[in-house]
Protein backbone atom coordinates (compact mmCIF):
# COMPACT_ATOMS: atom_id res chain seq x y z
CA UNK A 1 45.59 -112.44 -136.12
CA UNK A 2 44.00 -109.41 -133.89
CA UNK A 3 45.87 -106.20 -133.73
CA UNK A 4 45.54 -103.98 -130.57
CA UNK A 5 44.23 -100.80 -131.24
CA UNK A 6 45.51 -97.55 -129.57
CA UNK A 7 43.07 -95.97 -127.25
CA UNK A 8 42.47 -93.33 -129.41
CA UNK A 9 42.20 -95.20 -132.31
CA UNK A 10 39.57 -97.86 -130.56
CA UNK A 11 37.51 -94.77 -129.49
CA UNK A 12 37.59 -93.96 -133.26
CA UNK A 13 35.96 -97.59 -134.08
CA UNK A 14 32.96 -97.52 -131.47
CA UNK A 15 30.10 -96.35 -133.26
CA UNK A 16 29.29 -92.58 -132.32
CA UNK A 17 26.24 -91.38 -130.04
CA UNK A 18 24.36 -88.83 -132.37
CA UNK A 19 24.24 -85.20 -131.14
CA UNK A 20 20.37 -85.18 -131.30
CA UNK A 21 20.23 -88.14 -129.11
CA UNK A 22 22.54 -87.41 -126.57
CA UNK A 23 21.11 -83.61 -126.11
CA UNK A 24 17.89 -85.37 -125.76
CA UNK A 25 19.42 -88.05 -122.84
CA UNK A 26 20.90 -84.87 -121.34
CA UNK A 27 18.02 -82.53 -121.80
CA UNK A 28 15.53 -85.55 -119.61
CA UNK A 29 18.22 -86.63 -117.01
CA UNK A 30 18.27 -82.98 -115.82
CA UNK A 31 14.42 -83.18 -115.61
CA UNK A 32 14.08 -86.25 -113.84
CA UNK A 33 16.70 -84.85 -111.44
CA UNK A 34 14.82 -81.86 -110.58
CA UNK A 35 11.57 -83.38 -110.66
CA UNK A 36 12.45 -85.40 -107.77
CA UNK A 37 14.30 -82.71 -105.77
CA UNK A 38 11.02 -80.84 -106.23
CA UNK A 39 9.21 -83.30 -105.13
CA UNK A 40 11.72 -84.33 -102.04
CA UNK A 41 11.66 -80.51 -101.33
CA UNK A 42 7.72 -80.16 -101.47
CA UNK A 43 7.59 -83.41 -99.20
CA UNK A 44 10.43 -81.98 -96.91
CA UNK A 45 8.49 -78.50 -96.06
CA UNK A 46 5.22 -79.56 -95.65
CA UNK A 47 5.97 -81.90 -93.36
CA UNK A 48 8.33 -79.34 -91.25
CA UNK A 49 5.04 -76.63 -91.69
CA UNK A 50 2.69 -79.04 -90.15
CA UNK A 51 5.59 -79.64 -87.06
CA UNK A 52 5.83 -75.94 -86.75
CA UNK A 53 2.02 -74.55 -87.07
CA UNK A 54 -0.07 -77.58 -86.28
CA UNK A 55 -2.68 -75.48 -84.35
CA UNK A 56 -2.28 -78.37 -81.60
CA UNK A 57 0.94 -77.25 -79.87
CA UNK A 58 3.04 -80.32 -79.14
CA UNK A 59 1.54 -82.31 -81.84
CA UNK A 60 5.04 -83.82 -82.80
CA UNK A 61 5.05 -85.66 -78.75
CA UNK A 62 2.72 -88.45 -79.24
CA UNK A 63 1.77 -90.39 -76.24
CA UNK A 64 3.91 -93.70 -77.67
CA UNK A 65 6.97 -91.26 -78.04
CA UNK A 66 7.27 -91.51 -73.69
CA UNK A 67 8.11 -95.57 -74.18
CA UNK A 68 10.26 -95.02 -77.22
CA UNK A 69 12.23 -92.19 -75.72
CA UNK A 70 12.22 -94.18 -72.48
CA UNK A 71 13.65 -96.88 -73.71
CA UNK A 72 16.12 -94.85 -76.19
CA UNK A 73 17.25 -93.44 -72.76
CA UNK A 74 17.58 -96.55 -70.57
CA UNK A 75 19.61 -98.08 -73.76
CA UNK A 76 21.97 -95.76 -74.02
CA UNK A 77 22.62 -96.21 -70.12
CA UNK A 78 22.17 -99.81 -69.30
CA UNK A 79 22.49 -101.00 -73.00
CA UNK A 80 18.51 -102.76 -72.35
CA UNK A 81 15.11 -101.67 -72.87
CA UNK A 82 13.03 -100.78 -69.31
CA UNK A 83 9.60 -100.96 -71.10
CA UNK A 84 8.46 -103.49 -73.73
CA UNK A 85 5.06 -102.44 -73.85
CA UNK A 86 5.93 -101.65 -77.79
CA UNK A 87 8.23 -102.48 -80.94
CA UNK A 88 11.77 -101.24 -79.34
CA UNK A 89 13.36 -101.01 -83.09
CA UNK A 90 12.71 -97.46 -83.28
CA UNK A 91 13.99 -96.80 -79.94
CA UNK A 92 17.56 -98.38 -80.93
CA UNK A 93 17.18 -95.51 -83.78
CA UNK A 94 16.27 -93.02 -81.09
CA UNK A 95 18.66 -93.98 -79.00
CA UNK A 96 21.47 -93.85 -81.81
CA UNK A 97 20.61 -90.37 -82.81
CA UNK A 98 20.47 -89.08 -79.08
CA UNK A 99 24.11 -89.94 -78.99
CA UNK A 100 24.76 -87.76 -81.36
CA UNK A 101 23.49 -84.98 -79.33
CA UNK A 102 20.41 -84.60 -81.57
CA UNK A 103 17.65 -83.32 -78.90
CA UNK A 104 13.56 -84.75 -79.16
CA UNK A 105 12.30 -81.93 -80.41
CA UNK A 106 15.18 -81.37 -83.14
CA UNK A 107 14.58 -85.00 -84.11
CA UNK A 108 10.74 -84.35 -84.53
CA UNK A 109 11.07 -81.01 -86.37
CA UNK A 110 14.70 -82.23 -88.56
CA UNK A 111 14.85 -85.97 -89.19
CA UNK A 112 11.05 -86.63 -89.04
CA UNK A 113 10.69 -84.70 -91.99
CA UNK A 114 13.70 -86.06 -94.12
CA UNK A 115 12.77 -89.40 -93.32
CA UNK A 116 8.99 -89.06 -94.89
CA UNK A 117 10.46 -87.20 -97.72
CA UNK A 118 13.22 -90.18 -98.58
CA UNK A 119 10.09 -92.45 -98.29
CA UNK A 120 8.45 -90.53 -101.00
CA UNK A 121 11.00 -90.59 -103.26
CA UNK A 122 11.64 -94.22 -102.14
CA UNK A 123 8.24 -94.92 -103.93
CA UNK A 124 9.54 -93.51 -107.36
CA UNK A 125 12.57 -95.88 -106.98
CA UNK A 126 10.27 -98.79 -106.61
CA UNK A 127 8.11 -97.91 -109.60
CA UNK A 128 11.34 -97.71 -111.44
CA UNK A 129 12.34 -100.70 -110.37
CA UNK A 130 8.72 -102.38 -112.15
CA UNK A 131 9.33 -100.34 -115.28
CA UNK A 132 7.23 -97.26 -114.78
CA UNK A 133 9.55 -94.34 -113.88
CA UNK A 134 6.79 -91.72 -115.27
CA UNK A 135 4.22 -93.52 -112.82
CA UNK A 136 7.02 -92.89 -109.91
CA UNK A 137 7.10 -89.93 -109.94
CA UNK A 138 3.32 -89.27 -109.81
CA UNK A 139 3.12 -91.63 -107.33
CA UNK A 140 5.92 -90.07 -105.45
CA UNK A 141 4.23 -86.62 -105.59
CA UNK A 142 1.19 -88.32 -104.38
CA UNK A 143 2.82 -89.60 -101.56
CA UNK A 144 4.48 -85.74 -100.81
CA UNK A 145 1.32 -84.55 -100.13
CA UNK A 146 -0.60 -87.18 -98.94
CA UNK A 147 -2.50 -86.00 -95.40
CA UNK A 148 -1.72 -89.36 -93.40
CA UNK A 149 1.80 -89.42 -94.62
CA UNK A 150 2.25 -85.86 -93.73
CA UNK A 151 0.68 -86.08 -90.55
CA UNK A 152 2.73 -89.65 -89.75
CA UNK A 153 6.01 -87.46 -90.41
CA UNK A 154 5.18 -84.64 -88.13
CA UNK A 155 5.38 -86.79 -85.20
CA UNK A 156 8.20 -88.50 -83.22
CA UNK A 157 6.63 -92.14 -84.26
CA UNK A 158 8.19 -95.17 -85.82
CA UNK A 159 5.92 -95.68 -88.91
CA UNK A 160 7.68 -93.57 -91.50
CA UNK A 161 10.70 -95.52 -90.22
CA UNK A 162 8.92 -98.86 -91.00
CA UNK A 163 7.78 -97.53 -94.42
CA UNK A 164 11.62 -96.34 -95.17
CA UNK A 165 13.07 -100.17 -94.44
CA UNK A 166 9.92 -101.93 -96.04
CA UNK A 167 10.31 -100.08 -99.25
CA UNK A 168 14.32 -100.54 -98.99
CA UNK A 169 13.64 -104.32 -98.57
CA UNK A 170 11.14 -104.71 -101.57
CA UNK A 171 13.22 -102.77 -103.77
CA UNK A 172 16.65 -104.83 -102.57
CA UNK A 173 14.27 -108.02 -103.02
CA UNK A 174 13.02 -107.26 -106.96
CA UNK A 175 16.98 -107.53 -108.11
CA UNK A 176 16.21 -111.26 -107.86
CA UNK A 177 19.78 -112.44 -106.44
CA UNK A 178 20.05 -114.14 -103.61
CA UNK A 179 22.74 -111.45 -102.15
CA UNK A 180 20.15 -108.83 -102.75
CA UNK A 181 17.03 -111.36 -100.96
CA UNK A 182 19.47 -111.89 -98.10
CA UNK A 183 19.84 -107.52 -97.86
CA UNK A 184 16.05 -107.49 -98.32
CA UNK A 185 15.42 -109.35 -95.25
CA UNK A 186 18.01 -107.44 -92.95
CA UNK A 187 15.77 -104.49 -94.15
CA UNK A 188 12.42 -106.02 -93.60
CA UNK A 189 13.36 -107.81 -90.28
CA UNK A 190 14.35 -104.31 -88.96
CA UNK A 191 11.00 -102.82 -90.49
CA UNK A 192 9.78 -105.77 -88.08
CA UNK A 193 11.78 -104.74 -84.99
CA UNK A 194 10.33 -100.87 -85.70
CA UNK A 195 6.30 -102.02 -86.30
CA UNK A 196 5.78 -105.56 -85.09
CA UNK A 197 2.73 -106.21 -87.97
CA UNK A 198 5.48 -105.74 -90.74
CA UNK A 199 5.81 -109.42 -89.97
CA UNK A 200 2.83 -110.27 -92.00
CA UNK A 201 3.99 -108.49 -95.13
CA UNK A 202 7.58 -110.18 -94.47
CA UNK A 203 5.31 -113.65 -94.13
CA UNK A 204 3.36 -112.08 -97.10
CA UNK A 205 6.43 -111.58 -99.19
CA UNK A 206 8.00 -115.16 -98.82
CA UNK A 207 4.57 -116.65 -99.68
CA UNK A 208 4.85 -115.03 -102.79
CA UNK A 209 8.16 -115.93 -104.01
CA UNK A 210 7.42 -119.58 -102.93
CA UNK A 211 3.92 -119.22 -104.88
CA UNK A 212 5.74 -117.24 -108.60
CA UNK A 213 8.48 -119.25 -108.00
CA UNK A 214 7.77 -123.16 -108.05
CA UNK A 215 11.75 -123.86 -108.40
CA UNK A 216 14.22 -121.30 -106.99
CA UNK A 217 11.35 -119.76 -104.55
CA UNK A 218 11.89 -121.84 -101.62
CA UNK A 219 15.59 -121.00 -101.62
CA UNK A 220 14.33 -117.44 -102.22
CA UNK A 221 12.49 -117.61 -99.19
CA UNK A 222 15.30 -118.94 -97.36
CA UNK A 223 17.36 -116.64 -98.33
CA UNK A 224 14.82 -113.81 -97.58
CA UNK A 225 14.12 -114.79 -93.83
CA UNK A 226 17.41 -115.60 -93.04
CA UNK A 227 18.11 -112.07 -93.62
CA UNK A 228 15.10 -111.09 -91.46
CA UNK A 229 15.97 -113.35 -88.92
CA UNK A 230 18.98 -111.41 -87.49
CA UNK A 231 17.28 -108.00 -86.69
CA UNK A 232 14.28 -109.91 -85.39
CA UNK A 233 16.45 -112.15 -83.31
CA UNK A 234 18.93 -109.23 -81.73
CA UNK A 235 15.82 -107.51 -80.95
CA UNK A 236 13.96 -110.34 -79.04
CA UNK A 237 17.14 -111.59 -77.45
CA UNK A 238 17.42 -107.92 -75.81
CA UNK A 239 13.77 -107.73 -74.97
CA UNK A 240 13.90 -111.56 -73.40
CA UNK A 241 17.36 -110.40 -71.09
CA UNK A 242 15.22 -107.37 -70.06
CA UNK A 243 12.03 -109.60 -69.35
CA UNK A 244 13.97 -112.26 -67.99
CA UNK A 245 11.08 -114.16 -69.95
CA UNK A 246 11.38 -115.66 -73.55
CA UNK A 247 10.09 -112.58 -75.76
CA UNK A 248 9.26 -112.52 -79.58
CA UNK A 249 9.49 -108.80 -80.86
CA UNK A 250 7.32 -107.63 -78.69
CA UNK A 251 5.13 -108.15 -75.49
CA UNK A 252 2.46 -105.51 -76.57
CA UNK A 253 -0.67 -107.60 -76.36
CA UNK A 254 -3.10 -108.73 -79.28
CA UNK A 255 -5.21 -105.97 -77.59
CA UNK A 256 -7.86 -108.17 -77.53
CA UNK A 257 -7.89 -108.65 -73.75
CA UNK A 258 -6.70 -105.19 -72.93
CA UNK A 259 -8.82 -102.68 -75.33
CA UNK A 260 -11.92 -103.27 -77.51
CA UNK A 261 -12.31 -102.10 -80.80
CA UNK A 262 -14.58 -99.18 -81.42
CA UNK A 263 -14.90 -97.42 -84.79
CA UNK A 264 -12.22 -95.30 -85.46
CA UNK A 265 -9.80 -96.66 -82.78
CA UNK A 266 -10.40 -98.54 -79.73
CA UNK A 267 -11.40 -98.26 -76.14
CA UNK A 268 -9.38 -99.47 -72.77
CA UNK A 269 -11.16 -101.73 -70.80
CA UNK A 270 -11.75 -101.86 -66.91
CA UNK A 271 -10.05 -104.15 -64.89
CA UNK A 272 -12.74 -106.70 -63.57
CA UNK A 273 -13.47 -106.42 -67.82
CA UNK A 274 -10.21 -107.64 -69.02
CA UNK A 275 -10.36 -110.52 -66.30
CA UNK A 276 -13.96 -111.99 -67.34
CA UNK A 277 -12.59 -111.99 -70.91
CA UNK A 278 -9.05 -114.11 -70.02
CA UNK A 279 -6.44 -114.38 -73.00
CA UNK A 280 -7.01 -113.89 -76.90
CA UNK A 281 -8.28 -117.32 -77.38
CA UNK A 282 -10.10 -117.78 -74.46
CA UNK A 283 -12.32 -115.14 -75.80
CA UNK A 284 -12.61 -116.14 -78.94
CA UNK A 285 -13.67 -119.13 -78.19
CA UNK A 286 -16.21 -118.54 -75.33
CA UNK A 287 -17.61 -115.36 -76.83
CA UNK A 288 -17.35 -116.21 -80.57
CA UNK A 289 -20.04 -113.74 -81.75
CA UNK A 290 -18.87 -110.62 -79.42
CA UNK A 291 -15.26 -111.74 -81.01
CA UNK A 292 -16.72 -111.60 -84.67
CA UNK A 293 -18.37 -107.88 -83.99
CA UNK A 294 -15.41 -107.01 -82.84
CA UNK A 295 -13.09 -107.94 -85.62
CA UNK A 296 -15.55 -106.57 -87.86
CA UNK A 297 -15.11 -103.66 -86.46
CA UNK A 298 -11.59 -103.95 -87.03
CA UNK A 299 -12.00 -104.28 -90.33
CA UNK A 300 -14.11 -101.81 -91.08
CA UNK A 301 -11.78 -98.93 -88.94
CA UNK A 302 -9.28 -100.26 -91.00
CA UNK A 303 -10.30 -99.82 -94.73
CA UNK A 304 -13.28 -97.05 -93.99
CA UNK A 305 -12.78 -93.88 -95.34
CA UNK A 306 -15.47 -92.32 -93.07
CA UNK A 307 -13.81 -90.38 -90.04
CA UNK A 308 -14.83 -92.18 -86.85
CA UNK A 309 -14.80 -90.07 -83.70
CA UNK A 310 -16.44 -87.24 -82.33
CA UNK A 311 -13.40 -85.77 -80.69
CA UNK A 312 -12.63 -81.72 -81.57
CA UNK A 313 -10.28 -82.97 -84.30
CA UNK A 314 -12.95 -84.84 -86.69
CA UNK A 315 -12.60 -82.44 -89.36
CA UNK A 316 -8.67 -83.08 -89.61
CA UNK A 317 -9.55 -86.63 -89.08
CA UNK A 318 -11.86 -86.67 -92.06
CA UNK A 319 -9.13 -85.29 -94.62
CA UNK A 320 -6.57 -87.94 -93.39
CA UNK A 321 -9.66 -90.60 -93.76
CA UNK A 322 -10.94 -89.46 -96.92
CA UNK A 323 -7.50 -89.34 -98.60
CA UNK A 324 -6.79 -92.85 -97.23
CA UNK A 325 -10.43 -94.25 -98.82
CA UNK A 326 -9.29 -92.60 -102.11
CA UNK A 327 -6.14 -95.05 -102.62
CA UNK A 328 -8.12 -97.66 -101.30
CA UNK A 329 -10.86 -97.37 -103.84
CA UNK A 330 -8.13 -96.81 -106.44
CA UNK A 331 -6.08 -99.66 -105.39
CA UNK A 332 -9.25 -101.97 -105.76
CA UNK A 333 -10.31 -99.74 -109.28
CA UNK A 334 -6.45 -100.93 -110.50
CA UNK A 335 -6.73 -104.53 -109.08
CA UNK A 336 -9.79 -105.50 -111.11
CA UNK A 337 -8.52 -103.55 -114.23
CA UNK A 338 -5.09 -105.73 -113.93
CA UNK A 339 -6.10 -108.76 -113.34
CA UNK A 340 -8.72 -109.44 -116.51
CA UNK A 341 -5.67 -107.95 -118.59
CA UNK A 342 -3.04 -109.63 -116.75
CA UNK A 343 -3.70 -112.04 -113.97
CA UNK A 344 -0.17 -113.40 -113.22
CA UNK A 345 1.25 -109.68 -113.14
CA UNK A 346 4.11 -109.29 -110.42
CA UNK A 347 2.76 -106.05 -109.59
CA UNK A 348 0.41 -107.74 -107.38
CA UNK A 349 3.07 -108.30 -104.82
CA UNK A 350 2.24 -104.57 -103.88
CA UNK A 351 -1.49 -105.09 -103.23
CA UNK A 352 -1.01 -108.46 -101.60
CA UNK A 353 1.56 -107.19 -98.88
CA UNK A 354 -1.24 -104.90 -97.50
CA UNK A 355 -4.15 -107.11 -97.82
CA UNK A 356 -1.66 -109.32 -95.36
CA UNK A 357 -1.16 -106.81 -93.34
CA UNK A 358 -5.06 -105.84 -92.85
CA UNK A 359 -6.08 -109.73 -92.47
CA UNK A 360 -3.17 -109.35 -89.75
CA UNK A 361 -4.85 -106.41 -88.43
CA UNK A 362 -8.31 -107.48 -88.53
CA UNK A 363 -7.58 -110.17 -86.30
CA UNK A 364 -5.36 -108.85 -84.05
CA UNK A 365 -5.19 -105.18 -83.23
CA UNK A 366 -7.38 -102.34 -82.98
CA UNK A 367 -5.34 -98.78 -83.84
CA UNK A 368 -6.10 -96.77 -87.51
CA UNK A 369 -1.87 -96.37 -87.60
CA UNK A 370 -1.23 -99.67 -88.86
CA UNK A 371 -2.47 -98.84 -92.01
CA UNK A 372 0.28 -96.19 -92.98
CA UNK A 373 2.91 -98.57 -93.63
CA UNK A 374 0.28 -99.91 -96.47
CA UNK A 375 -0.18 -96.70 -98.04
CA UNK A 376 2.70 -96.33 -100.50
CA UNK A 377 2.66 -99.51 -101.87
CA UNK A 378 -1.21 -98.78 -103.08
CA UNK A 379 -0.40 -95.20 -104.15
CA UNK A 380 2.59 -97.01 -106.49
CA UNK A 381 0.37 -99.93 -107.67
CA UNK A 382 -2.54 -98.19 -108.66
CA UNK A 383 -0.62 -95.26 -110.04
CA UNK A 384 1.38 -97.68 -112.43
CA UNK A 385 -2.07 -99.49 -113.27
CA UNK A 386 -4.38 -96.34 -113.66
CA UNK A 387 -2.09 -93.99 -115.17
CA UNK A 388 -1.32 -95.53 -118.52
CA UNK A 389 -5.21 -96.08 -118.99
CA UNK A 390 -5.97 -92.57 -118.15
CA UNK A 391 -3.30 -91.61 -120.68
CA UNK A 392 -5.16 -93.64 -123.38
CA UNK A 393 -7.78 -92.79 -122.75
CA UNK A 394 -10.45 -91.03 -124.78
CA UNK A 395 -10.70 -87.92 -122.76
CA UNK A 396 -7.16 -86.97 -122.94
CA UNK A 397 -6.54 -87.90 -126.58
CA UNK A 398 -8.99 -85.35 -127.60
CA UNK A 399 -7.66 -83.24 -125.12
CA UNK A 400 -3.95 -83.45 -126.48
CA UNK A 401 -5.72 -82.86 -129.97
CA UNK A 402 -7.07 -79.60 -129.32
CA UNK A 403 -3.47 -78.70 -127.94
CA UNK A 404 -1.77 -79.60 -131.00
CA UNK A 405 -4.62 -78.01 -133.73
CA UNK A 406 -3.11 -74.47 -132.48
CA UNK A 407 0.43 -75.68 -133.21
CA UNK A 408 -0.30 -77.33 -136.90
CA UNK A 409 -2.61 -74.40 -137.70
CA UNK A 410 0.41 -72.14 -136.76
CA UNK A 411 3.33 -74.05 -138.64
CA UNK A 412 0.56 -74.15 -142.16
CA UNK A 413 2.15 -70.96 -144.34
């Protein structure tokens, strides 16, 4: 026979939490909160500083910003975009911000740095979701000061927003619940509408789910795709109505018939050369060696840490390229190390998705900006793998023992 106890009596019957444990938990919690606040503040201030004091005036206004802003104005006036050269998902975000009265310069100085700082904090959440909160703090701090991510946040471009939705989608996908996977699809579909190369990451995640879970992987992948088709479908329908022809996500060309890859970027083709090349597949079929050479140049541009180019900003490009190269090399070392220890680790999804984007980029595009969305994932992966190994290395343990010797000597009576 069970007896109902009063609330006060019931509380007395519960096991009490030791005061020392509760105090230490509050101390750790307070330290974690202040660490995240400091990382977010540093990330925001660095991005605002670059926008305000960049040596090139008007650095925040990129040439692609024109297309985004004109589409945003057209969406506000007519409800449909007018320029279909670039993905229009970012234009919908700009239209919303403009409707609230924010001017483009205010968006560049206030909103873009906030989104960049949020991306850094989401890297911590992603690592924590994978049971590595300490590594997440280090990864978030690295993203806060990474030159390429700072430069991306200091311009009115779509990369930071794509990273925001991509990270939110991955965090939701790691919950392994069907509703969470549908929400992850919505978020990753929004990332695809903002940056079309994110389609490669979406398809990569679908393949990953089906490969790692043979029993429920198909249903989980279907839930993810169903959610992703909603924002992709909305954008495609709007573009099809505006263009009066079927369009999927964007009318942006594969760039094989309008530009050719060059080390560090691309070169525009003359009209005669564009006509001679024909379509992407015609060029690949009739000029296979030249096609393979240009695709190799695209791969080198994507993966190389060398700052190709001869313009005045080569030093700035060099800082970004070498920092990107450091992340790529660290990711390669981490991949080899983790593969030797646990080839079935779920952490490999953070490398698999950038590999899918690299393959997509190498086949179709010629702009090094496309590797920006991969950097937070690679930083998170390499930090989670390499930081525990560094903590158990001989150099670190010797350093720790030397620090503890004076404390031990002081405690001896």
